[in-house]
Amino acid sequence: MLPGFVDNLRPSVLANLIRFDSQQEVLLPEFTSEQPKLKEAIAAKFAVGRGTALFDAVDKGSTLLEKVSGNRAMIVMTDGSDSASKMSYPNFWKLVEARKVRLYTVGFGNEMDLLADKLGTTPRRMMEHVALATHSKSYMSETAEELKNLYEAIVAFQKRERLNWSHQLHAVIRRMTRSAAELTHTSIRCHDDGGPASRSGISLRRTIGEDDDGAGRLI
């Protein structure tokens, strides 16, 4: 399943891999965009093991990402609930809040909807909550073909998020511009009683970048 996922990684993406069951193993010494290296690291490494140390694996992954810059994210794939981490569930949530890393979660297998006492919910619900809390998304994958297409789905989701953020930013700028213009006009009107114009009012006009005709512009 994973080689197909790696096939869809874009050349601009630097990736590393962590295999985990009851233990965690970082498969590459550094991040790379070279697909042959990623596939070689995967080969014979992913097999059914004993236990799932999901929380500890996320901790290790976020520690690796602290050493790199750019748009950082983790894609966490698991077939069940955490059963072997040293980290507790409450401390896992503290980690998620502190590290500020996007966590895209991918679940597969027949245990995702089984109630887990350690979580107080199902693994599927927990992974959905983690993705939501980190402004990411959760997915389920039943086949190798679905997993192969997940990377493109994640890229499309990120593009939509950036577009939404851009629209929100433009709306904030428009509100700030209108508010600044209203504040300037109010400052000037305070001196419409025939007295001398306030220098502070003129300074404010220049600061926010209004032309003499009163049209607002960004500096």
N, C-alpha and C. Protein backbone atom coordinates (compact mmCIF):
# COMPACT_ATOMS: atom_id res chain seq x y z
N MET A 1 0.82 -1.21 0.00
CA MET A 1 0.00 0.00 0.00
C MET A 1 0.85 1.26 0.00
N LEU A 2 1.90 1.32 0.86
CA LEU A 2 2.68 2.55 1.00
C LEU A 2 3.48 2.93 -0.24
N PRO A 3 4.06 1.96 -1.00
CA PRO A 3 4.77 2.37 -2.22
C PRO A 3 3.87 3.17 -3.17
N GLY A 4 2.61 2.79 -3.29
CA GLY A 4 1.70 3.54 -4.14
C GLY A 4 1.49 4.95 -3.64
N PHE A 5 1.45 5.11 -2.33
CA PHE A 5 1.33 6.44 -1.73
C PHE A 5 2.56 7.29 -2.05
N VAL A 6 3.74 6.69 -1.92
CA VAL A 6 4.99 7.39 -2.20
C VAL A 6 5.06 7.83 -3.66
N ASP A 7 4.50 7.02 -4.57
CA ASP A 7 4.51 7.35 -5.99
C ASP A 7 3.88 8.70 -6.28
N ASN A 8 2.93 9.12 -5.46
CA ASN A 8 2.20 10.35 -5.71
C ASN A 8 2.81 11.57 -5.02
N LEU A 9 3.87 11.38 -4.23
CA LEU A 9 4.51 12.51 -3.58
C LEU A 9 5.13 13.43 -4.63
N ARG A 10 4.95 14.71 -4.45
CA ARG A 10 5.49 15.68 -5.41
C ARG A 10 6.98 15.92 -5.15
N PRO A 11 7.74 16.28 -6.19
CA PRO A 11 9.19 16.48 -6.04
C PRO A 11 9.55 17.54 -5.00
N SER A 12 8.67 18.50 -4.76
CA SER A 12 8.96 19.57 -3.80
C SER A 12 8.77 19.14 -2.35
N VAL A 13 8.23 17.94 -2.13
CA VAL A 13 7.94 17.47 -0.77
C VAL A 13 9.12 16.69 -0.21
N LEU A 14 9.58 17.10 0.96
CA LEU A 14 10.60 16.36 1.70
C LEU A 14 9.90 15.48 2.73
N ALA A 15 10.24 14.21 2.76
CA ALA A 15 9.52 13.27 3.63
C ALA A 15 10.49 12.39 4.42
N ASN A 16 10.00 11.91 5.54
CA ASN A 16 10.67 10.87 6.30
C ASN A 16 9.60 9.88 6.73
N LEU A 17 10.01 8.75 7.27
CA LEU A 17 9.08 7.69 7.61
C LEU A 17 9.37 7.16 9.00
N ILE A 18 8.32 6.86 9.75
CA ILE A 18 8.45 6.22 11.06
C ILE A 18 7.58 4.97 11.07
N ARG A 19 8.20 3.84 11.34
CA ARG A 19 7.45 2.59 11.52
C ARG A 19 7.21 2.41 13.01
N PHE A 20 5.98 2.04 13.36
CA PHE A 20 5.72 1.82 14.78
C PHE A 20 4.76 0.66 14.99
N ASP A 21 5.06 -0.11 16.03
CA ASP A 21 4.13 -1.06 16.64
C ASP A 21 4.22 -0.76 18.13
N SER A 22 4.84 -1.61 18.93
CA SER A 22 5.06 -1.25 20.33
C SER A 22 6.30 -0.36 20.48
N GLN A 23 7.11 -0.29 19.43
CA GLN A 23 8.30 0.55 19.38
C GLN A 23 8.21 1.46 18.16
N GLN A 24 9.10 2.45 18.08
CA GLN A 24 9.14 3.33 16.92
C GLN A 24 10.52 3.26 16.29
N GLU A 25 10.54 3.36 14.96
CA GLU A 25 11.80 3.33 14.23
C GLU A 25 11.76 4.37 13.12
N VAL A 26 12.67 5.33 13.17
CA VAL A 26 12.81 6.31 12.08
C VAL A 26 13.59 5.63 10.97
N LEU A 27 13.02 5.60 9.77
CA LEU A 27 13.59 4.78 8.70
C LEU A 27 14.64 5.47 7.86
N LEU A 28 14.74 6.79 7.94
CA LEU A 28 15.75 7.51 7.16
C LEU A 28 16.50 8.48 8.06
N PRO A 29 17.78 8.72 7.79
CA PRO A 29 18.55 9.64 8.64
C PRO A 29 18.18 11.10 8.43
N GLU A 30 17.52 11.42 7.32
CA GLU A 30 17.13 12.80 7.03
C GLU A 30 15.92 12.82 6.10
N PHE A 31 15.31 13.97 5.97
CA PHE A 31 14.18 14.12 5.06
C PHE A 31 14.69 14.11 3.61
N THR A 32 13.89 13.52 2.72
CA THR A 32 14.30 13.42 1.32
C THR A 32 13.07 13.51 0.41
N SER A 33 13.32 13.92 -0.82
CA SER A 33 12.26 13.91 -1.85
C SER A 33 12.49 12.79 -2.86
N GLU A 34 13.52 11.98 -2.64
CA GLU A 34 13.88 10.92 -3.58
C GLU A 34 13.01 9.68 -3.33
N GLN A 35 12.14 9.38 -4.28
CA GLN A 35 11.22 8.25 -4.12
C GLN A 35 11.94 6.91 -3.98
N PRO A 36 13.03 6.64 -4.73
CA PRO A 36 13.72 5.35 -4.53
C PRO A 36 14.20 5.14 -3.10
N LYS A 37 14.68 6.21 -2.46
CA LYS A 37 15.13 6.08 -1.07
C LYS A 37 13.95 5.78 -0.15
N LEU A 38 12.84 6.45 -0.38
CA LEU A 38 11.66 6.23 0.44
C LEU A 38 11.14 4.80 0.27
N LYS A 39 11.11 4.31 -0.96
CA LYS A 39 10.61 2.95 -1.23
C LYS A 39 11.55 1.90 -0.64
N GLU A 40 12.83 2.16 -0.74
CA GLU A 40 13.80 1.23 -0.17
C GLU A 40 13.66 1.15 1.35
N ALA A 41 13.38 2.30 1.97
CA ALA A 41 13.20 2.32 3.42
C ALA A 41 11.95 1.56 3.83
N ILE A 42 10.93 1.61 2.99
CA ILE A 42 9.67 0.93 3.29
C ILE A 42 9.79 -0.58 3.16
N ALA A 43 10.57 -1.02 2.18
CA ALA A 43 10.63 -2.45 1.83
C ALA A 43 10.92 -3.32 3.05
N ALA A 44 10.05 -4.29 3.26
CA ALA A 44 10.21 -5.30 4.32
C ALA A 44 10.16 -4.71 5.72
N LYS A 45 9.77 -3.45 5.85
CA LYS A 45 9.73 -2.82 7.16
C LYS A 45 8.34 -2.81 7.77
N PHE A 46 7.32 -2.84 6.91
CA PHE A 46 5.96 -2.71 7.42
C PHE A 46 5.29 -4.08 7.45
N ALA A 47 5.16 -4.61 8.63
CA ALA A 47 4.53 -5.91 8.83
C ALA A 47 3.73 -5.85 10.12
N VAL A 48 2.89 -6.85 10.33
CA VAL A 48 2.07 -6.89 11.55
C VAL A 48 2.97 -7.09 12.76
N GLY A 49 2.88 -6.18 13.71
CA GLY A 49 3.67 -6.27 14.92
C GLY A 49 2.76 -6.41 16.13
N ARG A 50 3.35 -6.32 17.31
CA ARG A 50 2.59 -6.45 18.54
C ARG A 50 2.44 -5.08 19.18
N GLY A 51 1.20 -4.66 19.37
CA GLY A 51 0.93 -3.39 20.01
C GLY A 51 0.96 -2.23 19.04
N THR A 52 0.42 -1.09 19.51
CA THR A 52 0.38 0.13 18.70
C THR A 52 0.72 1.31 19.60
N ALA A 53 1.92 1.84 19.44
CA ALA A 53 2.36 3.00 20.23
C ALA A 53 2.14 4.27 19.40
N LEU A 54 0.88 4.57 19.14
CA LEU A 54 0.52 5.69 18.28
C LEU A 54 0.96 7.03 18.88
N PHE A 55 0.68 7.26 20.16
CA PHE A 55 1.00 8.54 20.79
C PHE A 55 2.51 8.79 20.77
N ASP A 56 3.28 7.75 21.10
CA ASP A 56 4.74 7.89 21.11
C ASP A 56 5.28 8.15 19.70
N ALA A 57 4.65 7.55 18.70
CA ALA A 57 5.09 7.76 17.32
C ALA A 57 4.83 9.20 16.88
N VAL A 58 3.69 9.76 17.26
CA VAL A 58 3.40 11.16 16.94
C VAL A 58 4.39 12.08 17.65
N ASP A 59 4.73 11.75 18.88
CA ASP A 59 5.73 12.52 19.62
C ASP A 59 7.06 12.52 18.88
N LYS A 60 7.49 11.36 18.43
CA LYS A 60 8.76 11.27 17.71
C LYS A 60 8.71 12.02 16.38
N GLY A 61 7.58 11.89 15.68
CA GLY A 61 7.45 12.58 14.40
C GLY A 61 7.46 14.09 14.56
N SER A 62 6.76 14.61 15.56
CA SER A 62 6.73 16.06 15.76
C SER A 62 8.08 16.59 16.20
N THR A 63 8.86 15.76 16.91
CA THR A 63 10.22 16.15 17.28
C THR A 63 11.10 16.28 16.04
N LEU A 64 10.95 15.36 15.10
CA LEU A 64 11.70 15.44 13.84
C LEU A 64 11.34 16.72 13.08
N LEU A 65 10.06 17.04 13.06
CA LEU A 65 9.61 18.21 12.30
C LEU A 65 10.05 19.53 12.92
N GLU A 66 10.36 19.52 14.21
CA GLU A 66 10.83 20.75 14.85
C GLU A 66 12.16 21.22 14.26
N LYS A 67 12.89 20.31 13.62
CA LYS A 67 14.21 20.63 13.08
C LYS A 67 14.15 21.16 11.65
N VAL A 68 12.96 21.23 11.07
CA VAL A 68 12.83 21.69 9.70
C VAL A 68 11.85 22.86 9.65
N SER A 69 11.95 23.64 8.57
CA SER A 69 11.06 24.78 8.39
C SER A 69 10.10 24.51 7.25
N GLY A 70 9.17 25.43 7.03
CA GLY A 70 8.22 25.28 5.93
C GLY A 70 6.87 24.81 6.41
N ASN A 71 6.05 24.36 5.48
CA ASN A 71 4.70 23.87 5.77
C ASN A 71 4.80 22.44 6.28
N ARG A 72 4.79 22.27 7.58
CA ARG A 72 5.06 20.97 8.19
C ARG A 72 3.76 20.23 8.50
N ALA A 73 3.79 18.94 8.24
CA ALA A 73 2.60 18.12 8.50
C ALA A 73 3.02 16.67 8.69
N MET A 74 2.18 15.93 9.41
CA MET A 74 2.35 14.49 9.55
C MET A 74 1.13 13.78 8.98
N ILE A 75 1.37 12.66 8.32
CA ILE A 75 0.29 11.77 7.89
C ILE A 75 0.44 10.49 8.71
N VAL A 76 -0.50 10.27 9.60
CA VAL A 76 -0.42 9.16 10.54
C VAL A 76 -1.37 8.05 10.09
N MET A 77 -0.83 6.89 9.83
CA MET A 77 -1.62 5.74 9.38
C MET A 77 -1.61 4.66 10.44
N THR A 78 -2.79 4.15 10.79
CA THR A 78 -2.87 3.11 11.81
C THR A 78 -4.12 2.26 11.60
N ASP A 79 -4.08 1.06 12.13
CA ASP A 79 -5.21 0.14 11.99
C ASP A 79 -5.95 -0.07 13.31
N GLY A 80 -5.66 0.76 14.30
CA GLY A 80 -6.36 0.56 15.57
C GLY A 80 -6.00 1.57 16.63
N SER A 81 -6.43 1.33 17.85
CA SER A 81 -6.23 2.24 18.96
C SER A 81 -4.83 2.10 19.53
N ASP A 82 -4.39 3.12 20.26
CA ASP A 82 -3.11 3.04 20.95
C ASP A 82 -3.19 2.02 22.08
N SER A 83 -2.22 1.12 22.11
CA SER A 83 -2.22 0.09 23.14
C SER A 83 -0.86 -0.08 23.81
N ALA A 84 0.16 0.70 23.37
CA ALA A 84 1.50 0.44 23.87
C ALA A 84 2.32 1.69 24.17
N SER A 85 1.74 2.87 24.05
CA SER A 85 2.52 4.10 24.27
C SER A 85 2.84 4.31 25.74
N LYS A 86 4.00 4.88 26.01
CA LYS A 86 4.33 5.32 27.35
C LYS A 86 3.60 6.62 27.68
N MET A 87 3.32 7.39 26.66
CA MET A 87 2.60 8.65 26.83
C MET A 87 1.13 8.38 27.10
N SER A 88 0.56 9.12 28.04
CA SER A 88 -0.86 8.97 28.36
C SER A 88 -1.71 9.72 27.34
N TYR A 89 -3.00 9.41 27.32
CA TYR A 89 -3.91 10.08 26.39
C TYR A 89 -4.02 11.58 26.68
N PRO A 90 -4.17 12.02 27.94
CA PRO A 90 -4.20 13.46 28.21
C PRO A 90 -2.91 14.17 27.78
N ASN A 91 -1.76 13.54 28.01
CA ASN A 91 -0.50 14.15 27.60
C ASN A 91 -0.35 14.18 26.09
N PHE A 92 -0.97 13.24 25.41
CA PHE A 92 -0.97 13.27 23.95
C PHE A 92 -1.65 14.54 23.45
N TRP A 93 -2.79 14.89 24.06
CA TRP A 93 -3.49 16.09 23.65
C TRP A 93 -2.69 17.35 23.98
N LYS A 94 -1.97 17.33 25.08
CA LYS A 94 -1.09 18.46 25.40
C LYS A 94 0.01 18.60 24.35
N LEU A 95 0.53 17.47 23.89
CA LEU A 95 1.54 17.46 22.84
C LEU A 95 0.99 18.05 21.55
N VAL A 96 -0.22 17.63 21.17
CA VAL A 96 -0.85 18.12 19.95
C VAL A 96 -1.01 19.64 20.00
N GLU A 97 -1.42 20.15 21.16
CA GLU A 97 -1.62 21.59 21.31
C GLU A 97 -0.30 22.34 21.29
N ALA A 98 0.74 21.77 21.90
CA ALA A 98 2.01 22.48 22.03
C ALA A 98 2.82 22.50 20.73
N ARG A 99 2.80 21.43 19.96
CA ARG A 99 3.68 21.32 18.79
C ARG A 99 3.14 22.05 17.56
N LYS A 100 1.85 22.28 17.48
CA LYS A 100 1.26 23.04 16.37
C LYS A 100 1.63 22.46 15.01
N VAL A 101 1.51 21.15 14.87
CA VAL A 101 1.80 20.47 13.60
C VAL A 101 0.50 19.89 13.05
N ARG A 102 0.28 20.05 11.77
CA ARG A 102 -0.92 19.46 11.16
C ARG A 102 -0.81 17.93 11.20
N LEU A 103 -1.91 17.30 11.62
CA LEU A 103 -1.94 15.83 11.72
C LEU A 103 -3.07 15.30 10.83
N TYR A 104 -2.70 14.80 9.66
CA TYR A 104 -3.66 14.12 8.80
C TYR A 104 -3.67 12.66 9.22
N THR A 105 -4.84 12.14 9.53
CA THR A 105 -4.93 10.77 10.04
C THR A 105 -5.60 9.86 9.02
N VAL A 106 -5.07 8.65 8.92
CA VAL A 106 -5.58 7.66 7.98
C VAL A 106 -5.80 6.36 8.74
N GLY A 107 -7.03 5.89 8.77
CA GLY A 107 -7.35 4.64 9.44
C GLY A 107 -7.72 3.56 8.45
N PHE A 108 -7.36 2.32 8.77
CA PHE A 108 -7.77 1.19 7.95
C PHE A 108 -7.87 -0.05 8.84
N GLY A 109 -8.60 -1.03 8.38
CA GLY A 109 -8.79 -2.23 9.19
C GLY A 109 -10.15 -2.25 9.85
N ASN A 110 -10.45 -3.35 10.56
CA ASN A 110 -11.79 -3.56 11.12
C ASN A 110 -11.89 -3.20 12.61
N GLU A 111 -10.88 -2.52 13.15
CA GLU A 111 -10.91 -2.15 14.56
C GLU A 111 -11.18 -0.66 14.79
N MET A 112 -11.36 0.08 13.72
CA MET A 112 -11.48 1.53 13.86
C MET A 112 -12.78 1.97 14.54
N ASP A 113 -13.80 1.13 14.51
CA ASP A 113 -15.08 1.50 15.11
C ASP A 113 -15.36 0.75 16.41
N LEU A 114 -14.34 0.10 16.97
CA LEU A 114 -14.49 -0.59 18.25
C LEU A 114 -14.16 0.37 19.39
N LEU A 115 -15.00 0.37 20.41
CA LEU A 115 -14.79 1.25 21.55
C LEU A 115 -13.48 0.89 22.24
N ALA A 116 -12.63 1.90 22.48
CA ALA A 116 -11.35 1.70 23.16
C ALA A 116 -11.43 2.34 24.55
N ASP A 117 -11.25 1.54 25.59
CA ASP A 117 -11.36 2.04 26.96
C ASP A 117 -10.36 3.16 27.23
N LYS A 118 -9.16 3.03 26.68
CA LYS A 118 -8.11 4.02 26.91
C LYS A 118 -8.50 5.39 26.36
N LEU A 119 -9.30 5.39 25.29
CA LEU A 119 -9.69 6.64 24.64
C LEU A 119 -11.04 7.15 25.12
N GLY A 120 -11.88 6.23 25.55
CA GLY A 120 -13.25 6.59 25.88
C GLY A 120 -14.10 6.82 24.65
N THR A 121 -13.61 6.40 23.51
CA THR A 121 -14.32 6.53 22.23
C THR A 121 -13.72 5.52 21.26
N THR A 122 -14.08 5.60 20.00
CA THR A 122 -13.51 4.69 19.01
C THR A 122 -12.27 5.33 18.39
N PRO A 123 -11.34 4.52 17.86
CA PRO A 123 -10.18 5.09 17.17
C PRO A 123 -10.56 6.03 16.04
N ARG A 124 -11.62 5.70 15.32
CA ARG A 124 -12.04 6.57 14.22
C ARG A 124 -12.41 7.96 14.73
N ARG A 125 -13.20 8.02 15.80
CA ARG A 125 -13.62 9.31 16.35
C ARG A 125 -12.41 10.08 16.90
N MET A 126 -11.51 9.38 17.58
CA MET A 126 -10.33 10.03 18.12
C MET A 126 -9.49 10.65 17.00
N MET A 127 -9.30 9.91 15.90
CA MET A 127 -8.50 10.41 14.79
C MET A 127 -9.19 11.58 14.10
N GLU A 128 -10.49 11.55 14.03
CA GLU A 128 -11.23 12.69 13.47
C GLU A 128 -11.04 13.93 14.32
N HIS A 129 -11.08 13.75 15.65
CA HIS A 129 -10.92 14.89 16.56
C HIS A 129 -9.52 15.47 16.47
N VAL A 130 -8.50 14.60 16.36
CA VAL A 130 -7.12 15.06 16.26
C VAL A 130 -6.93 15.87 14.97
N ALA A 131 -7.46 15.36 13.87
CA ALA A 131 -7.33 16.07 12.60
C ALA A 131 -8.03 17.42 12.66
N LEU A 132 -9.22 17.45 13.24
CA LEU A 132 -9.97 18.70 13.34
C LEU A 132 -9.22 19.71 14.21
N ALA A 133 -8.65 19.25 15.32
CA ALA A 133 -7.95 20.14 16.24
C ALA A 133 -6.69 20.74 15.62
N THR A 134 -6.12 20.08 14.62
CA THR A 134 -4.89 20.58 13.98
C THR A 134 -5.17 21.15 12.59
N HIS A 135 -6.44 21.48 12.32
CA HIS A 135 -6.84 22.08 11.04
C HIS A 135 -6.46 21.17 9.86
N SER A 136 -6.65 19.90 10.06
CA SER A 136 -6.34 18.92 9.04
C SER A 136 -7.59 18.09 8.74
N LYS A 137 -7.42 16.88 8.25
CA LYS A 137 -8.57 16.06 7.90
C LYS A 137 -8.25 14.59 8.16
N SER A 138 -9.29 13.82 8.45
CA SER A 138 -9.14 12.39 8.70
C SER A 138 -9.74 11.59 7.55
N TYR A 139 -9.09 10.49 7.23
CA TYR A 139 -9.53 9.65 6.11
C TYR A 139 -9.59 8.19 6.54
N MET A 140 -10.39 7.42 5.83
CA MET A 140 -10.40 5.97 5.96
C MET A 140 -10.00 5.38 4.63
N SER A 141 -9.19 4.33 4.67
CA SER A 141 -8.73 3.69 3.44
C SER A 141 -8.90 2.18 3.56
N GLU A 142 -9.61 1.61 2.61
CA GLU A 142 -9.86 0.16 2.62
C GLU A 142 -9.01 -0.59 1.60
N THR A 143 -8.52 0.12 0.59
CA THR A 143 -7.76 -0.54 -0.48
C THR A 143 -6.47 0.22 -0.76
N ALA A 144 -5.54 -0.46 -1.45
CA ALA A 144 -4.28 0.17 -1.84
C ALA A 144 -4.53 1.34 -2.78
N GLU A 145 -5.52 1.23 -3.65
CA GLU A 145 -5.82 2.30 -4.60
C GLU A 145 -6.32 3.55 -3.87
N GLU A 146 -7.15 3.36 -2.84
CA GLU A 146 -7.62 4.49 -2.05
C GLU A 146 -6.46 5.19 -1.36
N LEU A 147 -5.54 4.41 -0.81
CA LEU A 147 -4.39 4.99 -0.12
C LEU A 147 -3.51 5.75 -1.10
N LYS A 148 -3.36 5.21 -2.29
CA LYS A 148 -2.54 5.86 -3.31
C LYS A 148 -3.09 7.25 -3.64
N ASN A 149 -4.41 7.39 -3.65
CA ASN A 149 -5.03 8.66 -4.02
C ASN A 149 -5.15 9.64 -2.86
N LEU A 150 -4.82 9.19 -1.64
CA LEU A 150 -5.00 10.05 -0.47
C LEU A 150 -4.10 11.27 -0.50
N TYR A 151 -2.88 11.11 -1.02
CA TYR A 151 -1.97 12.25 -1.02
C TYR A 151 -2.54 13.40 -1.84
N GLU A 152 -3.08 13.09 -3.00
CA GLU A 152 -3.69 14.14 -3.82
C GLU A 152 -4.88 14.76 -3.11
N ALA A 153 -5.63 13.94 -2.37
CA ALA A 153 -6.76 14.48 -1.61
C ALA A 153 -6.27 15.44 -0.53
N ILE A 154 -5.16 15.12 0.12
CA ILE A 154 -4.60 15.99 1.15
C ILE A 154 -4.09 17.29 0.53
N VAL A 155 -3.41 17.20 -0.62
CA VAL A 155 -2.93 18.40 -1.30
C VAL A 155 -4.11 19.30 -1.67
N ALA A 156 -5.19 18.71 -2.19
CA ALA A 156 -6.38 19.49 -2.56
C ALA A 156 -6.99 20.17 -1.33
N PHE A 157 -7.02 19.45 -0.20
CA PHE A 157 -7.56 20.03 1.03
C PHE A 157 -6.72 21.23 1.48
N GLN A 158 -5.38 21.11 1.40
CA GLN A 158 -4.52 22.21 1.81
C GLN A 158 -4.72 23.43 0.92
N LYS A 159 -4.92 23.20 -0.37
CA LYS A 159 -5.16 24.33 -1.27
C LYS A 159 -6.44 25.06 -0.92
N ARG A 160 -7.49 24.29 -0.60
CA ARG A 160 -8.76 24.92 -0.21
C ARG A 160 -8.59 25.71 1.08
N GLU A 161 -7.81 25.15 2.03
CA GLU A 161 -7.60 25.84 3.29
C GLU A 161 -6.84 27.16 3.08
N ARG A 162 -5.81 27.13 2.21
CA ARG A 162 -5.06 28.35 1.94
C ARG A 162 -5.94 29.39 1.25
N LEU A 163 -6.80 28.93 0.35
CA LEU A 163 -7.71 29.85 -0.33
C LEU A 163 -8.69 30.47 0.66
N ASN A 164 -9.24 29.66 1.56
CA ASN A 164 -10.16 30.18 2.57
C ASN A 164 -9.46 31.19 3.47
N TRP A 165 -8.21 30.87 3.85
CA TRP A 165 -7.45 31.78 4.71
C TRP A 165 -7.20 33.10 3.99
N SER A 166 -6.89 33.03 2.69
CA SER A 166 -6.65 34.24 1.91
C SER A 166 -7.90 35.11 1.84
N HIS A 167 -9.08 34.48 1.64
CA HIS A 167 -10.33 35.23 1.60
C HIS A 167 -10.60 35.90 2.95
N GLN A 168 -10.34 35.16 4.04
CA GLN A 168 -10.55 35.72 5.38
C GLN A 168 -9.62 36.90 5.63
N LEU A 169 -8.35 36.78 5.17
CA LEU A 169 -7.39 37.86 5.35
C LEU A 169 -7.83 39.11 4.59
N HIS A 170 -8.30 38.93 3.35
CA HIS A 170 -8.75 40.07 2.58
C HIS A 170 -9.95 40.75 3.25
N ALA A 171 -10.84 39.94 3.84
CA ALA A 171 -11.99 40.51 4.53
C ALA A 171 -11.55 41.33 5.74
N VAL A 172 -10.55 40.84 6.48
CA VAL A 172 -10.03 41.56 7.64
C VAL A 172 -9.39 42.88 7.20
N ILE A 173 -8.62 42.84 6.11
CA ILE A 173 -7.97 44.05 5.61
C ILE A 173 -9.02 45.09 5.21
N ARG A 174 -10.09 44.62 4.54
CA ARG A 174 -11.14 45.56 4.13
C ARG A 174 -11.79 46.21 5.36
N ARG A 175 -12.04 45.38 6.40
CA ARG A 175 -12.65 45.93 7.62
C ARG A 175 -11.72 46.93 8.29
N MET A 176 -10.41 46.60 8.34
CA MET A 176 -9.44 47.50 8.96
C MET A 176 -9.34 48.80 8.17
N THR A 177 -9.38 48.71 6.84
CA THR A 177 -9.28 49.91 6.01
C THR A 177 -10.49 50.81 6.23
N ARG A 178 -11.69 50.19 6.26
CA ARG A 178 -12.90 50.99 6.50
C ARG A 178 -12.86 51.63 7.88
N SER A 179 -12.43 50.87 8.89
CA SER A 179 -12.38 51.39 10.26
C SER A 179 -11.39 52.54 10.36
N ALA A 180 -10.23 52.39 9.70
CA ALA A 180 -9.22 53.44 9.74
C ALA A 180 -9.72 54.69 9.04
N ALA A 181 -10.41 54.50 7.92
CA ALA A 181 -10.95 55.65 7.19
C ALA A 181 -11.99 56.38 8.03
N GLU A 182 -12.85 55.62 8.71
CA GLU A 182 -13.87 56.23 9.55
C GLU A 182 -13.23 56.98 10.72
N LEU A 183 -12.16 56.41 11.27
CA LEU A 183 -11.46 57.06 12.38
C LEU A 183 -10.83 58.37 11.92
N THR A 184 -10.25 58.38 10.71
CA THR A 184 -9.63 59.58 10.17
C THR A 184 -10.65 60.68 9.97
N HIS A 185 -11.78 60.33 9.34
CA HIS A 185 -12.82 61.33 9.08
C HIS A 185 -13.37 61.90 10.39
N THR A 186 -13.51 61.04 11.40
CA THR A 186 -13.98 61.51 12.70
C THR A 186 -13.00 62.49 13.31
N SER A 187 -11.68 62.17 13.19
CA SER A 187 -10.66 63.06 13.74
C SER A 187 -10.68 64.42 13.07
N ILE A 188 -10.89 64.44 11.76
CA ILE A 188 -10.91 65.70 11.03
C ILE A 188 -12.17 66.49 11.35
N ARG A 189 -13.31 65.79 11.46
CA ARG A 189 -14.57 66.48 11.74
C ARG A 189 -14.56 67.16 13.11
N CYS A 190 -13.75 66.69 13.99
CA CYS A 190 -13.67 67.30 15.32
C CYS A 190 -13.21 68.75 15.24
N HIS A 191 -12.61 69.14 14.13
CA HIS A 191 -12.08 70.49 14.00
C HIS A 191 -12.84 71.28 12.93
N ASP A 192 -14.05 70.87 12.63
CA ASP A 192 -14.86 71.57 11.64
C ASP A 192 -15.59 72.78 12.22
N ASP A 193 -15.21 73.18 13.45
CA ASP A 193 -15.89 74.32 14.08
C ASP A 193 -15.22 75.63 13.73
N GLY A 194 -14.34 75.60 12.74
CA GLY A 194 -13.68 76.83 12.32
C GLY A 194 -12.31 77.00 12.93
N GLY A 195 -11.96 76.13 13.86
CA GLY A 195 -10.65 76.22 14.48
C GLY A 195 -9.58 75.63 13.58
N PRO A 196 -8.32 75.74 13.96
CA PRO A 196 -7.22 75.21 13.15
C PRO A 196 -7.26 73.69 13.10
N ALA A 197 -6.85 73.15 11.97
CA ALA A 197 -6.82 71.69 11.82
C ALA A 197 -5.76 71.10 12.72
N SER A 198 -6.08 69.97 13.30
CA SER A 198 -5.15 69.30 14.20
C SER A 198 -4.03 68.65 13.41
N ARG A 199 -2.79 68.85 13.85
CA ARG A 199 -1.66 68.19 13.18
C ARG A 199 -1.72 66.68 13.36
N SER A 200 -2.24 66.26 14.52
CA SER A 200 -2.34 64.81 14.74
C SER A 200 -3.33 64.20 13.76
N GLY A 201 -4.41 64.95 13.43
CA GLY A 201 -5.36 64.45 12.45
C GLY A 201 -4.74 64.29 11.09
N ILE A 202 -3.91 65.28 10.68
CA ILE A 202 -3.23 65.20 9.38
C ILE A 202 -2.23 64.05 9.39
N SER A 203 -1.52 63.88 10.49
CA SER A 203 -0.56 62.78 10.60
C SER A 203 -1.26 61.44 10.47
N LEU A 204 -2.44 61.33 11.06
CA LEU A 204 -3.19 60.07 10.99
C LEU A 204 -3.57 59.77 9.56
N ARG A 205 -3.96 60.80 8.80
CA ARG A 205 -4.32 60.59 7.40
C ARG A 205 -3.14 60.02 6.63
N ARG A 206 -1.98 60.56 6.86
CA ARG A 206 -0.81 60.12 6.13
C ARG A 206 -0.39 58.71 6.56
N THR A 207 -0.59 58.45 7.82
CA THR A 207 -0.19 57.13 8.33
C THR A 207 -0.99 56.01 7.68
N ILE A 208 -2.30 56.18 7.53
CA ILE A 208 -3.09 55.10 6.95
C ILE A 208 -3.09 55.15 5.42
N GLY A 209 -2.48 56.21 4.85
CA GLY A 209 -2.29 56.23 3.41
C GLY A 209 -3.50 56.71 2.64
N GLU A 210 -4.24 57.66 3.16
CA GLU A 210 -5.35 58.22 2.40
C GLU A 210 -4.83 59.31 1.48
N ASP A 211 -5.29 59.33 0.23
CA ASP A 211 -4.98 60.42 -0.68
C ASP A 211 -5.84 61.62 -0.33
N ASP A 212 -5.57 62.75 -0.94
CA ASP A 212 -6.31 63.97 -0.64
C ASP A 212 -7.79 63.87 -0.97
N ASP A 213 -8.14 62.97 -1.91
CA ASP A 213 -9.54 62.84 -2.25
C ASP A 213 -10.29 61.92 -1.29
N GLY A 214 -9.59 61.42 -0.26
CA GLY A 214 -10.24 60.61 0.76
C GLY A 214 -10.31 59.14 0.42
N ALA A 215 -9.73 58.73 -0.71
CA ALA A 215 -9.79 57.31 -1.09
C ALA A 215 -8.73 56.54 -0.30
N GLY A 216 -9.13 55.44 0.33
CA GLY A 216 -8.18 54.67 1.12
C GLY A 216 -7.31 53.77 0.26
N ARG A 217 -6.05 53.59 0.63
CA ARG A 217 -5.16 52.65 -0.05
C ARG A 217 -4.23 52.06 0.99
N LEU A 218 -3.74 50.88 0.73
CA LEU A 218 -2.80 50.24 1.65
C LEU A 218 -1.39 50.66 1.34
N ILE A 219 -0.60 50.90 2.39
CA ILE A 219 0.79 51.29 2.21
C ILE A 219 1.64 50.04 1.97
